[in-house]
């Protein structure tokens, strides 16, 4: 299988499918590109579809933003632990206060034309 590019990963995520780079030797996965596994130094890197659901591990509420998100503030920038244990950063719209998104909240990946990985409360 050909190595996945970041553009391909983003295009797949826009359709609601989240993929990671995976070491075929040891199984280590990374949401960011890798060409050599940091665990076993293997160059046998493929891709794996990740679960689309997980729980919020950490977040911060954003009240000002760059142009692409100017109409989306406030929102939460989140770290999500997916159901398989992989950590992914992304964002959750319509979060104005910390109490709107308690740590441990279930979330799911949603399709979006916006950059990044958008999650919604499940």
C-alpha atoms as a PDB file:
ATOM      1  CA  UNK A   1       0.000   0.000   0.000  1.00  0.00           C
ATOM      2  CA  UNK A   2       1.316   3.450  -0.861  1.00  0.00           C
ATOM      3  CA  UNK A   3       2.205   5.720   2.019  1.00  0.00           C
ATOM      4  CA  UNK A   4      -0.623   8.099   2.913  1.00  0.00           C
ATOM      5  CA  UNK A   5      -0.050  11.829   2.506  1.00  0.00           C
ATOM      6  CA  UNK A   6      -1.386  14.457   4.900  1.00  0.00           C
ATOM      7  CA  UNK A   7      -3.622  15.772   2.111  1.00  0.00           C
ATOM      8  CA  UNK A   8      -5.162  12.294   1.721  1.00  0.00           C
ATOM      9  CA  UNK A   9      -5.619  12.058   5.508  1.00  0.00           C
ATOM     10  CA  UNK A  10      -7.381  15.449   5.610  1.00  0.00           C
ATOM     11  CA  UNK A  11      -9.602  14.550   2.643  1.00  0.00           C
ATOM     12  CA  UNK A  12     -10.627  11.285   4.321  1.00  0.00           C
ATOM     13  CA  UNK A  13     -11.383  13.146   7.567  1.00  0.00           C
ATOM     14  CA  UNK A  14     -13.628  15.606   5.707  1.00  0.00           C
ATOM     15  CA  UNK A  15     -15.750  12.558   4.856  1.00  0.00           C
ATOM     16  CA  UNK A  16     -15.742  11.418   8.502  1.00  0.00           C
ATOM     17  CA  UNK A  17     -12.991   8.775   8.260  1.00  0.00           C
ATOM     18  CA  UNK A  18      -9.964   9.138  10.508  1.00  0.00           C
ATOM     19  CA  UNK A  19      -6.711   7.421   9.498  1.00  0.00           C
ATOM     20  CA  UNK A  20      -3.322   7.124  11.196  1.00  0.00           C
ATOM     21  CA  UNK A  21       0.105   6.005  10.057  1.00  0.00           C
ATOM     22  CA  UNK A  22       0.860   2.540  11.461  1.00  0.00           C
ATOM     23  CA  UNK A  23       4.084   0.596  11.861  1.00  0.00           C
ATOM     24  CA  UNK A  24       3.465  -2.817  10.350  1.00  0.00           C
ATOM     25  CA  UNK A  25       6.211  -4.261  12.561  1.00  0.00           C
ATOM     26  CA  UNK A  26       5.193  -3.290  16.090  1.00  0.00           C
ATOM     27  CA  UNK A  27       1.729  -1.782  15.541  1.00  0.00           C
ATOM     28  CA  UNK A  28       2.620   1.723  16.808  1.00  0.00           C
ATOM     29  CA  UNK A  29       0.165   4.322  15.440  1.00  0.00           C
ATOM     30  CA  UNK A  30       0.595   8.049  14.932  1.00  0.00           C
ATOM     31  CA  UNK A  31      -1.950  10.629  13.840  1.00  0.00           C
ATOM     32  CA  UNK A  32       0.967  12.713  12.536  1.00  0.00           C
ATOM     33  CA  UNK A  33       3.045  11.484   9.599  1.00  0.00           C
ATOM     34  CA  UNK A  34       5.833   9.028  10.272  1.00  0.00           C
ATOM     35  CA  UNK A  35       8.203   7.470   7.806  1.00  0.00           C
ATOM     36  CA  UNK A  36      10.295   5.613  10.391  1.00  0.00           C
ATOM     37  CA  UNK A  37       8.686   4.090  13.482  1.00  0.00           C
ATOM     38  CA  UNK A  38       9.985   5.791  16.650  1.00  0.00           C
ATOM     39  CA  UNK A  39       9.518   2.528  18.573  1.00  0.00           C
ATOM     40  CA  UNK A  40      11.253  -0.160  16.496  1.00  0.00           C
ATOM     41  CA  UNK A  41      12.831   1.979  13.711  1.00  0.00           C
ATOM     42  CA  UNK A  42      10.948   0.024  11.033  1.00  0.00           C
ATOM     43  CA  UNK A  43      10.333   1.691   7.682  1.00  0.00           C
ATOM     44  CA  UNK A  44       7.371  -0.591   6.950  1.00  0.00           C
ATOM     45  CA  UNK A  45       4.694   2.066   7.485  1.00  0.00           C
ATOM     46  CA  UNK A  46       1.093   1.680   6.379  1.00  0.00           C
ATOM     47  CA  UNK A  47      -2.200   3.207   7.383  1.00  0.00           C
ATOM     48  CA  UNK A  48      -5.040   2.178   9.638  1.00  0.00           C
ATOM     49  CA  UNK A  49      -8.568   3.454  10.018  1.00  0.00           C
ATOM     50  CA  UNK A  50      -9.165   4.707  13.531  1.00  0.00           C
ATOM     51  CA  UNK A  51     -12.388   4.611  15.538  1.00  0.00           C
ATOM     52  CA  UNK A  52     -14.525   7.712  15.153  1.00  0.00           C
ATOM     53  CA  UNK A  53     -15.474   7.868  18.849  1.00  0.00           C
ATOM     54  CA  UNK A  54     -13.585   8.520  22.060  1.00  0.00           C
ATOM     55  CA  UNK A  55     -13.493  10.606  25.235  1.00  0.00           C
ATOM     56  CA  UNK A  56     -12.221  14.102  25.975  1.00  0.00           C
ATOM     57  CA  UNK A  57      -8.914  13.927  27.870  1.00  0.00           C
ATOM     58  CA  UNK A  58      -8.178  17.672  27.944  1.00  0.00           C
ATOM     59  CA  UNK A  59      -9.462  20.889  26.371  1.00  0.00           C
ATOM     60  CA  UNK A  60      -9.302  24.649  26.343  1.00  0.00           C
ATOM     61  CA  UNK A  61     -12.134  26.985  25.354  1.00  0.00           C
ATOM     62  CA  UNK A  62     -11.213  29.342  22.488  1.00  0.00           C
ATOM     63  CA  UNK A  63     -12.905  32.737  22.427  1.00  0.00           C
ATOM     64  CA  UNK A  64     -10.782  34.358  19.713  1.00  0.00           C
ATOM     65  CA  UNK A  65      -9.589  32.603  16.610  1.00  0.00           C
ATOM     66  CA  UNK A  66      -7.965  32.665  13.226  1.00  0.00           C
ATOM     67  CA  UNK A  67     -10.002  33.605  10.163  1.00  0.00           C
ATOM     68  CA  UNK A  68     -11.114  30.035   9.273  1.00  0.00           C
ATOM     69  CA  UNK A  69     -12.887  29.740  12.636  1.00  0.00           C
ATOM     70  CA  UNK A  70     -14.038  33.332  13.172  1.00  0.00           C
ATOM     71  CA  UNK A  71     -17.723  32.356  12.980  1.00  0.00           C
ATOM     72  CA  UNK A  72     -17.225  29.313  15.222  1.00  0.00           C
ATOM     73  CA  UNK A  73     -16.044  30.947  18.450  1.00  0.00           C
ATOM     74  CA  UNK A  74     -16.396  29.962  21.143  1.00  0.00           C
ATOM     75  CA  UNK A  75     -15.274  26.367  20.645  1.00  0.00           C
ATOM     76  CA  UNK A  76     -13.066  23.898  22.479  1.00  0.00           C
ATOM     77  CA  UNK A  77      -9.676  22.743  21.264  1.00  0.00           C
ATOM     78  CA  UNK A  78      -9.573  19.136  22.535  1.00  0.00           C
ATOM     79  CA  UNK A  79      -7.359  16.124  23.044  1.00  0.00           C
ATOM     80  CA  UNK A  80      -9.458  12.999  22.457  1.00  0.00           C
ATOM     81  CA  UNK A  81      -8.476   9.484  23.460  1.00  0.00           C
ATOM     82  CA  UNK A  82     -10.097   7.355  20.769  1.00  0.00           C
ATOM     83  CA  UNK A  83     -11.684   4.033  21.658  1.00  0.00           C
ATOM     84  CA  UNK A  84      -8.497   2.215  20.571  1.00  0.00           C
ATOM     85  CA  UNK A  85      -6.280   4.387  22.818  1.00  0.00           C
ATOM     86  CA  UNK A  86      -4.873   6.675  20.106  1.00  0.00           C
ATOM     87  CA  UNK A  87      -4.741  10.366  21.115  1.00  0.00           C
ATOM     88  CA  UNK A  88      -5.956  12.933  18.581  1.00  0.00           C
ATOM     89  CA  UNK A  89      -6.293  16.693  18.820  1.00  0.00           C
ATOM     90  CA  UNK A  90      -9.238  18.469  17.265  1.00  0.00           C
ATOM     91  CA  UNK A  91     -12.057  20.838  18.082  1.00  0.00           C
ATOM     92  CA  UNK A  92     -15.640  20.761  19.345  1.00  0.00           C
ATOM     93  CA  UNK A  93     -17.981  23.576  18.256  1.00  0.00           C
ATOM     94  CA  UNK A  94     -20.390  25.473  20.505  1.00  0.00           C
ATOM     95  CA  UNK A  95     -18.456  25.143  23.746  1.00  0.00           C
ATOM     96  CA  UNK A  96     -18.561  28.410  25.707  1.00  0.00           C
ATOM     97  CA  UNK A  97     -17.730  27.271  29.266  1.00  0.00           C
ATOM     98  CA  UNK A  98     -15.685  24.512  30.857  1.00  0.00           C
ATOM     99  CA  UNK A  99     -18.901  23.010  32.205  1.00  0.00           C
ATOM    100  CA  UNK A 100     -20.170  22.516  28.613  1.00  0.00           C
ATOM    101  CA  UNK A 101     -17.625  19.735  28.029  1.00  0.00           C
ATOM    102  CA  UNK A 102     -16.557  17.843  31.170  1.00  0.00           C
ATOM    103  CA  UNK A 103     -13.395  15.740  30.989  1.00  0.00           C
ATOM    104  CA  UNK A 104     -14.457  12.211  30.023  1.00  0.00           C
ATOM    105  CA  UNK A 105     -17.272  13.403  27.731  1.00  0.00           C
ATOM    106  CA  UNK A 106     -17.937  11.027  24.816  1.00  0.00           C
ATOM    107  CA  UNK A 107     -17.360  12.565  21.400  1.00  0.00           C
ATOM    108  CA  UNK A 108     -17.479  11.396  17.783  1.00  0.00           C
ATOM    109  CA  UNK A 109     -15.724  12.585  14.650  1.00  0.00           C
ATOM    110  CA  UNK A 110     -17.942  14.541  12.262  1.00  0.00           C
ATOM    111  CA  UNK A 111     -17.543  15.471   8.612  1.00  0.00           C
ATOM    112  CA  UNK A 112     -16.560  19.086   8.007  1.00  0.00           C
ATOM    113  CA  UNK A 113     -15.145  21.351   5.345  1.00  0.00           C
ATOM    114  CA  UNK A 114     -13.168  23.172   8.067  1.00  0.00           C
ATOM    115  CA  UNK A 115      -9.507  22.359   8.769  1.00  0.00           C
ATOM    116  CA  UNK A 116      -8.618  19.892  11.493  1.00  0.00           C
ATOM    117  CA  UNK A 117     -10.619  17.111  13.079  1.00  0.00           C
ATOM    118  CA  UNK A 118     -14.052  18.234  14.279  1.00  0.00           C
ATOM    119  CA  UNK A 119     -15.752  16.269  17.031  1.00  0.00           C
ATOM    120  CA  UNK A 120     -19.301  16.573  18.373  1.00  0.00           C
ATOM    121  CA  UNK A 121     -20.582  15.510  21.768  1.00  0.00           C
ATOM    122  CA  UNK A 122     -21.908  11.958  21.409  1.00  0.00           C
END
